[in-house]
N, C-alpha and C. Protein backbone atom coordinates (compact mmCIF):
# COMPACT_ATOMS: atom_id res chain seq x y z
N UNK A 1 -18.79 10.91 7.43
CA UNK A 1 -17.71 10.66 8.19
C UNK A 1 -16.38 11.56 7.88
N UNK A 2 -16.02 12.23 8.99
CA UNK A 2 -15.06 13.35 8.46
C UNK A 2 -13.63 12.54 8.06
N UNK A 3 -12.95 13.40 7.41
CA UNK A 3 -11.76 12.82 6.76
C UNK A 3 -10.46 13.99 7.49
N UNK A 4 -9.36 13.68 7.98
CA UNK A 4 -8.32 13.93 8.15
C UNK A 4 -7.20 13.32 7.41
N UNK A 5 -6.02 14.01 6.51
CA UNK A 5 -4.90 13.33 6.09
C UNK A 5 -4.09 12.49 7.24
N UNK A 6 -3.84 11.64 6.96
CA UNK A 6 -2.87 11.00 7.88
C UNK A 6 -3.65 9.76 8.60
N UNK A 7 -4.61 8.86 7.61
CA UNK A 7 -4.81 7.76 8.45
C UNK A 7 -4.14 6.64 8.73
N UNK A 8 -4.50 6.37 10.19
CA UNK A 8 -3.28 5.62 10.98
C UNK A 8 -3.45 4.22 10.14
N UNK A 9 -1.96 3.39 9.81
CA UNK A 9 -1.88 2.61 9.12
C UNK A 9 -2.31 1.31 10.03
N UNK A 10 -3.09 1.12 10.76
CA UNK A 10 -3.76 -0.26 11.60
C UNK A 10 -4.86 -0.02 11.06
N UNK A 11 -5.50 1.23 10.70
CA UNK A 11 -6.68 0.99 10.28
C UNK A 11 -7.03 0.76 8.88
N UNK A 12 -6.26 0.16 7.75
CA UNK A 12 -6.21 -0.22 6.66
C UNK A 12 -6.17 -1.62 6.85
N UNK A 13 -7.14 -2.25 6.17
CA UNK A 13 -6.90 -4.00 5.67
C UNK A 13 -5.56 -4.18 5.06
N UNK A 14 -4.66 -5.05 5.69
CA UNK A 14 -3.49 -5.28 5.25
C UNK A 14 -3.27 -6.87 4.48
N UNK A 15 -2.16 -6.96 4.35
CA UNK A 15 -1.60 -8.56 3.20
C UNK A 15 0.08 -8.44 3.46
N UNK A 16 0.18 -9.24 2.08
CA UNK A 16 1.77 -9.02 2.17
C UNK A 16 2.12 -8.36 1.09
N UNK A 17 1.56 -7.13 1.01
CA UNK A 17 1.58 -6.24 -0.67
C UNK A 17 2.27 -4.82 0.88
N UNK A 18 3.09 -4.40 -0.45
CA UNK A 18 3.66 -3.33 0.87
C UNK A 18 2.53 -2.20 0.60
N UNK A 19 2.98 -1.38 1.74
CA UNK A 19 1.85 -0.15 2.48
C UNK A 19 2.54 1.07 2.29
N UNK A 20 2.36 2.51 1.67
CA UNK A 20 2.84 3.16 2.22
C UNK A 20 2.24 4.11 3.35
N UNK A 21 3.37 4.34 4.29
CA UNK A 21 3.11 4.28 5.60
C UNK A 21 3.00 5.89 5.98
N UNK A 22 1.92 5.86 7.09
CA UNK A 22 1.42 6.97 7.26
C UNK A 22 1.99 8.62 6.89
N UNK A 23 3.55 8.43 7.93
CA UNK A 23 3.97 9.73 7.71
C UNK A 23 4.57 10.34 6.28
N UNK A 24 4.94 9.20 5.06
CA UNK A 24 5.15 9.23 4.27
C UNK A 24 3.77 9.84 3.28
N UNK A 25 2.59 9.04 3.53
CA UNK A 25 1.47 9.39 2.83
C UNK A 25 1.22 10.92 3.13
N UNK A 26 1.29 11.59 4.40
CA UNK A 26 0.93 12.80 4.84
C UNK A 26 1.75 14.22 3.63
N UNK A 27 3.28 13.27 3.58
CA UNK A 27 4.18 14.22 2.57
C UNK A 27 3.72 14.20 1.57
N UNK A 28 3.49 13.16 0.74
CA UNK A 28 3.32 12.96 -0.50
C UNK A 28 1.50 13.52 -1.11
N UNK A 29 1.01 13.75 0.09
CA UNK A 29 -0.43 14.09 -0.77
C UNK A 29 -0.19 15.80 -0.42
N UNK A 30 0.73 16.46 0.30
CA UNK A 30 0.96 17.65 0.84
C UNK A 30 1.77 18.03 -0.78
N UNK A 31 2.29 17.08 -1.54
CA UNK A 31 3.29 17.53 -2.52
C UNK A 31 2.37 17.58 -3.50
N UNK A 32 1.32 16.57 -3.53
CA UNK A 32 0.54 16.21 -4.52
C UNK A 32 -1.01 17.23 -4.67
N UNK A 33 -1.04 18.45 -3.83
CA UNK A 33 -2.13 19.75 -3.70
C UNK A 33 -3.37 19.17 -4.59
N UNK A 34 -3.49 18.19 -4.03
CA UNK A 34 -5.07 17.26 -4.41
C UNK A 34 -6.29 18.27 -4.19
N UNK A 35 -7.07 18.80 -5.49
CA UNK A 35 -8.23 19.51 -5.30
C UNK A 35 -9.36 18.66 -5.09
N UNK A 36 -10.42 18.96 -4.88
CA UNK A 36 -12.05 18.16 -4.59
C UNK A 36 -12.31 17.08 -5.94
N UNK A 37 -11.91 17.64 -7.25
CA UNK A 37 -12.23 17.67 -8.46
C UNK A 37 -11.32 17.16 -9.17
N UNK A 38 -10.17 16.92 -9.07
CA UNK A 38 -9.03 16.27 -9.33
C UNK A 38 -9.32 14.52 -9.85
N UNK A 39 -8.50 14.23 -10.67
CA UNK A 39 -8.30 13.16 -11.69
C UNK A 39 -7.05 12.66 -11.00
N UNK A 40 -7.12 11.55 -10.39
CA UNK A 40 -5.23 10.78 -10.07
C UNK A 40 -5.71 9.46 -10.44
N UNK A 41 -4.07 9.10 -11.08
CA UNK A 41 -3.28 8.07 -11.25
C UNK A 41 -2.71 7.61 -10.31
N UNK A 42 -2.86 6.39 -9.68
CA UNK A 42 -1.77 5.87 -8.56
C UNK A 42 -1.12 4.78 -8.99
N UNK A 43 -0.38 4.69 -9.82
CA UNK A 43 0.83 3.46 -10.02
C UNK A 43 1.53 2.24 -9.34
N UNK A 44 1.40 1.24 -8.99
CA UNK A 44 1.89 0.47 -8.30
C UNK A 44 1.25 0.91 -6.96
N UNK A 45 -0.20 0.75 -6.89
CA UNK A 45 -1.19 1.41 -5.40
C UNK A 45 -0.85 0.51 -4.34
N UNK A 46 -0.79 -0.89 -4.93
CA UNK A 46 -0.10 -1.56 -3.13
C UNK A 46 -1.48 -2.09 -2.71
N UNK A 47 -1.55 -1.76 -1.40
CA UNK A 47 -2.87 -1.72 -0.90
C UNK A 47 -4.04 -0.63 -0.80
N UNK A 48 -3.19 0.33 -1.58
CA UNK A 48 -4.46 1.25 -1.60
C UNK A 48 -4.27 2.11 -0.80
N UNK A 49 -3.29 2.17 0.36
CA UNK A 49 -3.65 3.49 1.61
C UNK A 49 -3.34 4.74 0.67
N UNK A 50 -2.50 5.33 -0.14
CA UNK A 50 -2.27 6.51 -1.01
C UNK A 50 -3.66 6.54 -2.07
N UNK A 51 -4.08 5.63 -2.70
CA UNK A 51 -5.43 5.75 -2.99
C UNK A 51 -6.37 6.00 -2.52
N UNK A 52 -6.71 5.75 -1.52
CA UNK A 52 -7.83 6.13 -0.34
C UNK A 52 -7.72 7.27 0.17
N UNK A 53 -6.66 7.84 0.35
CA UNK A 53 -6.50 9.35 0.92
C UNK A 53 -6.79 9.93 -0.01
N UNK A 54 -6.34 9.78 -1.57
CA UNK A 54 -6.42 10.61 -2.41
C UNK A 54 -7.76 10.85 -2.68
N UNK A 55 -8.61 9.76 -2.52
CA UNK A 55 -9.91 9.58 -3.24
C UNK A 55 -10.86 10.74 -2.36
N UNK A 56 -10.42 10.57 -0.94
CA UNK A 56 -11.09 11.02 0.12
C UNK A 56 -10.71 12.74 0.01
N UNK A 57 -9.54 13.08 -0.67
CA UNK A 57 -9.67 14.59 -0.53
C UNK A 57 -10.15 14.87 -1.76
N UNK A 58 -10.27 14.20 -3.17
CA UNK A 58 -10.37 14.10 -4.25
C UNK A 58 -12.18 13.80 -4.46
N UNK A 59 -12.94 14.25 -3.38
CA UNK A 59 -14.39 13.76 -3.40
C UNK A 59 -14.98 14.05 -4.42
N UNK A 60 -15.27 14.56 -5.08
CA UNK A 60 -15.97 14.80 -6.77
C UNK A 60 -15.12 14.44 -7.62
N UNK A 61 -13.95 14.09 -7.55
CA UNK A 61 -12.72 13.79 -8.54
C UNK A 61 -12.75 12.21 -8.68
N UNK A 62 -11.84 11.37 -9.16
CA UNK A 62 -11.77 10.28 -9.39
C UNK A 62 -10.39 9.49 -9.46
N UNK A 63 -10.14 8.66 -8.71
CA UNK A 63 -8.75 7.66 -8.93
C UNK A 63 -9.04 6.71 -9.23
N UNK A 64 -7.72 6.61 -10.24
CA UNK A 64 -7.19 5.26 -10.97
C UNK A 64 -6.20 4.48 -10.55
N UNK A 65 -6.50 3.64 -9.30
CA UNK A 65 -5.60 2.55 -8.59
C UNK A 65 -4.81 1.38 -9.53
N UNK A 66 -3.73 1.53 -10.23
CA UNK A 66 -3.19 0.29 -11.19
C UNK A 66 -2.40 -0.61 -10.12
N UNK A 67 -2.75 -1.83 -9.97
CA UNK A 67 -1.74 -2.63 -9.17
C UNK A 67 -1.61 -4.24 -9.89
N UNK A 68 -0.48 -4.14 -9.91
CA UNK A 68 -0.27 -5.67 -10.72
C UNK A 68 -0.55 -6.98 -9.82
N UNK A 69 -0.51 -6.55 -8.76
CA UNK A 69 -0.33 -8.36 -7.96
C UNK A 69 -2.25 -8.00 -7.57
N UNK A 70 -2.71 -9.22 -7.87
CA UNK A 70 -4.06 -9.79 -7.56
C UNK A 70 -4.74 -9.42 -5.80
N UNK A 71 -3.61 -9.63 -5.22
CA UNK A 71 -3.80 -10.06 -3.76
C UNK A 71 -3.97 -8.37 -3.52
N UNK A 72 -3.18 -7.35 -4.27
CA UNK A 72 -2.95 -5.95 -3.98
C UNK A 72 -4.47 -5.20 -4.71
N UNK A 73 -4.64 -5.54 -5.83
CA UNK A 73 -6.02 -4.74 -6.31
C UNK A 73 -7.22 -5.50 -5.04
N UNK A 74 -6.92 -6.93 -5.16
CA UNK A 74 -7.99 -7.14 -3.46
C UNK A 74 -8.05 -6.30 -2.90
N UNK A 75 -6.96 -6.11 -2.37
CA UNK A 75 -6.70 -5.12 -0.63
C UNK A 75 -7.46 -3.65 -0.93
N UNK A 76 -7.11 -3.33 -2.47
CA UNK A 76 -7.72 -1.81 -2.86
C UNK A 76 -8.94 -1.55 -2.55
N UNK A 77 -9.77 -2.73 -3.48
CA UNK A 77 -11.06 -2.77 -3.28
C UNK A 77 -11.66 -3.14 -1.95
N UNK A 78 -11.34 -3.48 -1.08
CA UNK A 78 -12.21 -3.88 -0.11
C UNK A 78 -11.54 -2.78 1.10
N UNK A 79 -10.20 -2.24 0.86
CA UNK A 79 -10.19 -0.83 1.74
C UNK A 79 -10.81 0.39 0.83
N UNK A 80 -11.15 0.52 -0.09
CA UNK A 80 -11.66 1.60 -0.93
C UNK A 80 -13.60 0.99 0.06
N UNK A 81 -14.10 0.05 -0.21
CA UNK A 81 -15.63 0.19 0.75
C UNK A 81 -15.23 0.06 2.21
N UNK A 82 -14.34 -0.26 3.10
CA UNK A 82 -14.01 0.04 4.55
C UNK A 82 -13.84 1.65 4.65
N UNK A 83 -13.41 2.18 3.50
CA UNK A 83 -13.64 3.68 3.69
C UNK A 83 -14.55 4.20 3.15
N UNK A 84 -15.30 4.05 2.30
CA UNK A 84 -16.04 4.92 1.73
C UNK A 84 -16.02 5.49 0.46
N UNK A 85 -14.85 5.20 -0.03
CA UNK A 85 -14.03 5.90 -0.84
C UNK A 85 -14.64 5.09 -2.50
N UNK A 86 -15.76 5.68 -2.72
CA UNK A 86 -16.75 4.84 -3.82
C UNK A 86 -16.02 5.67 -5.41
N UNK A 87 -15.07 6.51 -5.29
CA UNK A 87 -14.66 6.99 -6.54
C UNK A 87 -13.31 6.44 -6.72
N UNK A 88 -12.99 5.27 -6.16
CA UNK A 88 -12.03 4.62 -7.03
C UNK A 88 -12.15 3.82 -7.98
N UNK A 89 -11.36 3.34 -8.80
CA UNK A 89 -11.51 2.39 -9.91
C UNK A 89 -9.98 1.65 -10.02
N UNK A 90 -10.46 0.08 -9.57
CA UNK A 90 -8.81 -0.49 -9.53
C UNK A 90 -8.55 -1.12 -10.68
N UNK A 91 -7.72 -0.77 -11.18
CA UNK A 91 -7.03 -1.51 -12.58
C UNK A 91 -6.09 -2.38 -12.45
N UNK A 92 -6.37 -3.70 -12.53
CA UNK A 92 -5.20 -5.13 -12.58
C UNK A 92 -4.40 -5.07 -13.45
N UNK A 93 -3.41 -4.60 -13.53
CA UNK A 93 -2.72 -4.82 -14.38
C UNK A 93 -1.24 -3.95 -14.50
N UNK A 94 -0.04 -4.49 -15.20
CA UNK A 94 1.19 -3.44 -14.98
C UNK A 94 1.13 -2.21 -16.00
N UNK A 95 1.64 -0.74 -15.75
CA UNK A 95 1.89 0.05 -16.12
C UNK A 95 3.31 -0.63 -17.07
N UNK A 96 3.27 0.07 -18.12
CA UNK A 96 2.80 1.20 -19.01
C UNK A 96 1.69 0.92 -19.73
N UNK A 97 1.03 -0.63 -19.80
CA UNK A 97 0.29 -1.19 -20.53
C UNK A 97 -0.88 -1.13 -20.03
N UNK A 98 -1.38 -0.67 -18.54
CA UNK A 98 -2.46 -0.55 -17.60
C UNK A 98 -3.15 1.07 -18.09
N UNK A 99 -2.28 1.92 -18.32
CA UNK A 99 -2.67 3.29 -18.46
C UNK A 99 -2.91 3.92 -19.86
N UNK A 100 -3.27 2.56 -20.85
CA UNK A 100 -3.94 2.85 -21.81
C UNK A 100 -5.06 3.00 -21.60
N UNK A 101 -5.91 4.08 -22.34
CA UNK A 101 -6.94 4.43 -22.30
C UNK A 101 -7.59 5.10 -20.80
N UNK A 102 -6.45 5.86 -20.48
CA UNK A 102 -6.88 7.06 -19.01
C UNK A 102 -6.86 8.28 -19.12
N UNK A 103 -7.89 8.73 -18.94
CA UNK A 103 -7.87 10.26 -19.51
C UNK A 103 -6.64 11.02 -18.61
N UNK A 104 -6.86 12.27 -18.88
CA UNK A 104 -5.65 13.24 -18.56
C UNK A 104 -5.86 12.95 -16.88
N UNK A 105 -4.63 13.29 -16.01
CA UNK A 105 -5.05 13.31 -14.52
C UNK A 105 -3.97 14.92 -14.29
N UNK A 106 -4.61 15.17 -13.05
CA UNK A 106 -4.57 16.49 -12.11
C UNK A 106 -2.80 16.16 -11.66
N UNK A 107 -3.18 14.42 -11.30
CA UNK A 107 -2.04 14.22 -10.16
C UNK A 107 -1.20 12.78 -10.51
N UNK A 108 -0.35 12.56 -10.82
CA UNK A 108 -0.26 11.04 -11.30
C UNK A 108 1.15 10.68 -9.83
N UNK A 109 0.78 9.13 -8.83
CA UNK A 109 1.81 8.96 -8.05
C UNK A 109 2.39 7.24 -9.03
N UNK A 110 3.49 7.49 -8.49
CA UNK A 110 4.32 6.63 -8.89
C UNK A 110 4.87 5.65 -8.02
N UNK A 111 4.23 4.60 -7.53
CA UNK A 111 5.26 4.15 -6.21
C UNK A 111 5.70 2.56 -6.20
N UNK A 112 5.36 1.99 -7.49
CA UNK A 112 6.00 1.04 -8.13
C UNK A 112 6.26 0.73 -9.85
N UNK A 113 7.10 0.31 -10.00
CA UNK A 113 7.04 0.27 -11.61
C UNK A 113 7.13 -0.98 -12.21
N UNK A 114 7.37 -1.92 -11.42
CA UNK A 114 7.64 -3.34 -11.94
C UNK A 114 8.63 -3.71 -12.89
N UNK A 115 10.04 -2.41 -12.85
CA UNK A 115 11.59 -2.35 -13.35
C UNK A 115 10.89 -1.37 -15.07
N UNK A 116 10.05 -0.99 -15.51
CA UNK A 116 9.36 -0.05 -16.09
C UNK A 116 9.30 1.29 -15.98
N UNK A 117 10.27 1.91 -15.07
CA UNK A 117 10.22 3.20 -14.81
C UNK A 117 10.18 4.13 -15.77
N UNK A 118 10.93 3.87 -16.83
CA UNK A 118 11.56 4.89 -17.90
C UNK A 118 10.19 4.99 -18.85
N UNK A 119 9.34 4.04 -18.96
CA UNK A 119 8.39 3.75 -19.99
C UNK A 119 7.01 4.53 -19.11
N UNK A 120 7.29 4.23 -18.10
CA UNK A 120 6.16 4.95 -17.48
C UNK A 120 6.16 6.18 -17.58
N UNK A 121 7.30 7.05 -17.12
CA UNK A 121 7.46 8.20 -17.05
C UNK A 121 7.21 8.61 -18.22
N UNK A 122 7.38 8.09 -19.47
CA UNK A 122 7.37 8.71 -20.97
C UNK A 122 5.82 8.76 -20.88
N UNK A 123 5.23 7.91 -20.62
CA UNK A 123 3.72 7.76 -20.88
C UNK A 123 3.01 8.73 -19.78
N UNK A 124 3.73 9.10 -18.82
CA UNK A 124 3.00 10.09 -17.60
C UNK A 124 2.80 10.77 -18.28
N UNK A 125 3.94 11.22 -18.85
CA UNK A 125 3.95 12.93 -19.28
C UNK A 125 2.72 13.52 -20.18
N UNK A 126 2.38 12.77 -20.89
CA UNK A 126 1.29 12.61 -21.83
C UNK A 126 0.02 12.61 -21.15
N UNK A 127 -0.02 11.62 -20.10
CA UNK A 127 -1.28 12.06 -19.65
C UNK A 127 -1.36 12.89 -18.49
N UNK A 128 -0.43 13.65 -18.51
CA UNK A 128 -0.41 14.90 -16.63
C UNK A 128 -0.80 16.26 -17.58
N UNK A 129 -1.88 16.62 -17.13
CA UNK A 129 -2.38 18.19 -17.38
C UNK A 129 -1.27 19.06 -17.72
N UNK A 130 -1.54 19.89 -17.75
CA UNK A 130 -0.64 21.34 -17.29
C UNK A 130 -0.81 21.79 -16.17
N UNK A 131 0.49 22.09 -15.65
CA UNK A 131 -0.05 22.15 -14.08
C UNK A 131 -0.28 21.04 -12.96
N UNK A 132 0.12 20.05 -13.79
CA UNK A 132 -0.40 18.09 -12.74
C UNK A 132 0.99 18.43 -12.33
N UNK A 133 1.09 17.68 -10.96
CA UNK A 133 2.30 17.04 -10.25
C UNK A 133 2.44 15.66 -10.47
N UNK A 134 3.81 15.21 -10.89
CA UNK A 134 3.73 14.15 -10.84
C UNK A 134 4.70 13.43 -9.37
N UNK A 135 3.92 12.79 -8.71
CA UNK A 135 4.98 12.50 -7.47
C UNK A 135 5.55 11.11 -7.34
N UNK A 136 7.03 10.76 -7.28
CA UNK A 136 7.10 9.44 -7.48
C UNK A 136 7.88 9.29 -5.79
N UNK A 137 7.64 8.03 -5.24
CA UNK A 137 8.22 7.51 -4.38
C UNK A 137 9.56 6.52 -4.71
N UNK A 138 10.66 6.60 -4.12
CA UNK A 138 11.41 5.75 -4.47
C UNK A 138 12.10 5.15 -3.00
N UNK A 139 12.27 3.89 -3.11
CA UNK A 139 13.04 3.27 -1.92
C UNK A 139 14.43 2.56 -2.17
N UNK A 140 14.86 2.67 -3.40
CA UNK A 140 16.10 2.24 -3.99
C UNK A 140 17.02 3.65 -4.82
N UNK A 141 18.33 3.53 -4.33
CA UNK A 141 18.89 4.53 -4.99
C UNK A 141 18.86 4.47 -6.41
N UNK A 142 18.34 3.29 -7.41
CA UNK A 142 18.25 3.39 -8.62
C UNK A 142 17.00 3.66 -9.03
N UNK A 143 15.98 3.77 -8.47
CA UNK A 143 15.00 4.56 -8.66
C UNK A 143 15.01 5.76 -8.61
N UNK A 144 15.83 6.46 -7.54
CA UNK A 144 15.85 7.95 -7.58
C UNK A 144 16.65 8.40 -8.26
N UNK A 145 17.61 7.87 -8.65
CA UNK A 145 18.77 8.35 -10.16
C UNK A 145 17.93 8.26 -11.22
N UNK A 146 17.27 7.16 -11.50
CA UNK A 146 16.48 7.31 -12.64
C UNK A 146 15.52 8.15 -12.87
N UNK A 147 14.95 8.16 -11.96
CA UNK A 147 13.41 9.39 -12.04
C UNK A 147 14.42 10.76 -12.19
N UNK A 148 15.25 10.86 -11.69
CA UNK A 148 16.00 12.47 -11.41
C UNK A 148 16.48 12.61 -12.62
N UNK A 149 17.37 11.51 -12.85
CA UNK A 149 18.12 11.65 -14.30
C UNK A 149 17.04 12.32 -15.67
N UNK A 150 16.06 11.44 -15.74
CA UNK A 150 14.90 11.33 -16.52
C UNK A 150 14.24 12.78 -16.60
N UNK A 151 13.51 12.90 -15.43
CA UNK A 151 12.77 14.22 -15.05
C UNK A 151 13.75 15.63 -15.42
N UNK A 152 14.82 15.79 -14.83
CA UNK A 152 15.45 16.86 -14.80
C UNK A 152 15.92 17.46 -16.31
N UNK A 153 15.66 16.16 -17.09
CA UNK A 153 16.04 16.22 -18.75
C UNK A 153 14.99 16.86 -19.71
N UNK A 154 13.61 17.18 -19.03
CA UNK A 154 12.74 17.65 -19.38
C UNK A 154 12.51 19.11 -18.94
N UNK A 155 12.13 19.90 -19.96
CA UNK A 155 12.18 21.78 -19.38
C UNK A 155 11.19 21.83 -19.15
N UNK A 156 10.21 21.02 -19.51
CA UNK A 156 8.85 21.45 -19.18
C UNK A 156 8.21 20.82 -17.41
N UNK A 157 9.41 20.41 -17.07
CA UNK A 157 8.85 20.28 -15.62
C UNK A 157 9.92 20.88 -14.78
N UNK A 158 9.65 21.52 -13.61
CA UNK A 158 10.36 21.68 -12.58
C UNK A 158 10.26 20.49 -11.13
N UNK A 159 11.70 20.15 -10.77
CA UNK A 159 11.63 18.73 -10.51
C UNK A 159 12.46 19.37 -8.58
N UNK A 160 11.63 18.62 -7.82
CA UNK A 160 12.40 18.85 -6.60
C UNK A 160 12.23 17.32 -5.97
N UNK A 161 13.51 17.21 -5.22
CA UNK A 161 13.34 15.98 -4.26
C UNK A 161 13.79 16.06 -2.97
N UNK A 162 13.30 15.36 -1.90
CA UNK A 162 14.01 14.72 -0.85
C UNK A 162 13.99 13.68 -0.13
N UNK A 163 15.10 13.02 0.97
CA UNK A 163 14.73 12.19 1.42
C UNK A 163 14.16 12.04 3.02
N UNK A 164 13.87 11.18 3.25
CA UNK A 164 13.34 10.89 4.70
C UNK A 164 13.16 9.87 5.43
N UNK A 165 13.44 9.88 7.05
CA UNK A 165 13.66 8.86 7.70
C UNK A 165 12.65 8.92 8.65
N UNK A 166 12.11 8.14 8.93
CA UNK A 166 11.05 8.10 10.01
C UNK A 166 11.27 7.01 11.13
N UNK A 167 11.62 7.26 12.11
CA UNK A 167 12.02 6.82 13.72
C UNK A 167 10.46 6.93 14.35
N UNK A 168 9.67 5.75 14.69
CA UNK A 168 8.77 5.92 15.44
C UNK A 168 9.43 5.41 16.97
N UNK A 169 8.43 5.65 17.91
CA UNK A 169 8.80 5.81 19.35
C UNK A 169 7.80 4.88 19.77
N UNK A 170 7.71 3.69 20.42
CA UNK A 170 6.57 2.66 20.59
C UNK A 170 7.38 2.28 21.97
N UNK A 171 6.17 2.48 23.26
CA UNK A 171 6.41 2.42 24.50
C UNK A 171 6.37 1.11 24.65
N UNK A 172 7.76 0.12 25.60
CA UNK A 172 7.55 -0.63 26.00
C UNK A 172 7.91 -1.10 27.37
N UNK A 173 6.94 -1.42 27.89
CA UNK A 173 6.57 -1.30 29.52
C UNK A 173 7.12 0.17 30.24
N UNK A 174 7.93 0.49 30.63
CA UNK A 174 8.61 1.83 31.32
C UNK A 174 10.03 2.20 30.08
N UNK A 175 9.78 1.53 29.17
CA UNK A 175 10.93 1.99 28.14
C UNK A 175 10.52 2.85 26.76
N UNK A 176 11.34 3.45 26.25
CA UNK A 176 10.71 3.57 25.35
C UNK A 176 11.58 3.25 23.92
N UNK A 177 11.06 2.59 22.82
CA UNK A 177 12.10 2.01 21.96
C UNK A 177 11.82 2.73 20.40
N UNK A 178 12.83 2.89 19.87
CA UNK A 178 12.87 3.53 18.35
C UNK A 178 12.50 2.55 17.51
N UNK A 179 11.48 2.23 16.68
CA UNK A 179 11.61 1.60 15.45
C UNK A 179 11.61 2.29 14.44
N UNK A 180 12.37 2.42 13.50
CA UNK A 180 12.87 2.73 12.27
C UNK A 180 12.27 2.25 11.03
N UNK A 181 11.64 3.12 10.28
CA UNK A 181 11.37 2.55 8.65
C UNK A 181 12.36 2.88 8.00
N UNK A 182 12.30 2.95 7.01
CA UNK A 182 12.70 2.28 5.82
C UNK A 182 13.02 3.59 5.00
N UNK A 183 14.45 4.09 4.73
CA UNK A 183 14.29 5.82 4.12
C UNK A 183 13.59 5.58 2.69
N UNK A 184 13.27 6.66 2.61
CA UNK A 184 12.29 7.03 1.58
C UNK A 184 12.51 8.41 0.84
N UNK A 185 12.51 8.26 -0.43
CA UNK A 185 13.32 9.94 -1.39
C UNK A 185 11.48 10.05 -2.35
N UNK A 186 11.01 11.14 -2.30
CA UNK A 186 10.19 11.55 -2.90
C UNK A 186 10.51 12.76 -3.44
N UNK A 187 10.05 12.56 -4.92
CA UNK A 187 10.11 13.29 -6.10
C UNK A 187 9.27 14.48 -6.54
N UNK A 188 8.69 15.25 -6.87
CA UNK A 188 7.96 15.69 -7.34
C UNK A 188 8.15 16.94 -8.44
N UNK A 189 7.30 16.32 -9.51
CA UNK A 189 7.60 16.78 -11.02
C UNK A 189 6.09 17.30 -11.47
N UNK A 190 6.28 18.84 -11.37
CA UNK A 190 5.69 19.60 -12.03
C UNK A 190 5.38 20.20 -13.41
N UNK A 191 4.54 19.90 -13.74
CA UNK A 191 4.33 20.10 -15.24
C UNK A 191 4.09 21.34 -15.57
N UNK A 192 4.69 22.33 -16.03
CA UNK A 192 4.91 23.77 -16.85
C UNK A 192 3.26 24.00 -17.75
N UNK A 193 2.63 24.97 -18.02
CA UNK A 193 1.63 25.73 -18.68
C UNK A 193 1.91 24.96 -20.04
């Protein structure tokens, strides 16, 4: 099966767990710069949409998808089977505890922190290889502020951030309707050598 970044949202098996939307995934994956042999940790993986796309890019690598909600963990497993991504290991649990025993990673995604962002960032620093990328998605101002404040204080990291707002256009009869998605902020932190 051929893979191109930006799998349609409706192609994923969905539940009541949040999912990173297609347009956001494309930009997050671009910032992550995933190579075929990379080791990736996805914290707060939700339905696994980002984990799946990362696993397909890192076809000879490994993705550790951490999700604290049992329904989400099951959705990740189902989506991994659905897309033939057999290089995903689902870890049911909460970070930072669920990070114990994981190997060092080339890329770490933080999509949800369960209120433990500072502890997760501290542990991610030691789990990230030199030249590794930490990509944080924030939907609240507090997460954006906390992530920027914490990571910009670490001299070993180069930090960049931007906000995005996606508005999809849907045809309704003879008209086109605008459907806005929630704004999101993407913080990319690259670890120095």
